[in-house]
Amino acid sequence: MKQENAHERPHELPLGAHLVTPRRGYTHHGIYAGAGRVIHYRGLARGLRRGPVEEVSLTRFAAGRPVGVRAHLEPRFDREEIVRRARSRLGENRYRLLTNNCEHLCEWCVHDCSRSSQVASYSQHTRRLLQRAAAAVAQLLVPIRLAGAAPR
């Protein structure tokens, strides 16, 4: 992913670019719609109330953070169609952190496949932690069972 302060040079951003900006603990995603505008899922950006898909200024999208462009080697659609697809969802208010977030929206616009590498990564990490915790608990339980077992 190319990292830059894109909000300072919106004229250099390609139409339909998949934009990424860091937040605390995750990255936020949007589609560049041209003229300094970004379409994104507001989601939980302003607190616990879910927000809709909206079109905002690049400055508001960036929220003072750097903005990068996620390169897609084989997008399914051309740049104009990516923006059209993003605009077709304006006002949608069905944000779900694990199944319909800002990255899902952008991946759908570019590839027609709703997915989130962040969610997949967090899920794998959580699964590994749970497996390790279960193994540690099992290790603790074996001596207890042996100690409490009746002699033969």
Foldseek 3Di string as FASTA:
>chain_A
DFWDQCLVPVVPDDQQFWKWWDDVPDIFTWGHHDPQKTWFFCQCVPHDAGGFTAIDGVCVVRVPTIMDTDDDPDWPDDRVQLNVQSVVRGPPGPDDPQFHHRQLSSCCSGHVGRDDPSNVVVVVVVVVVVVVVVVVVVVVVVVVCVVPDDDD
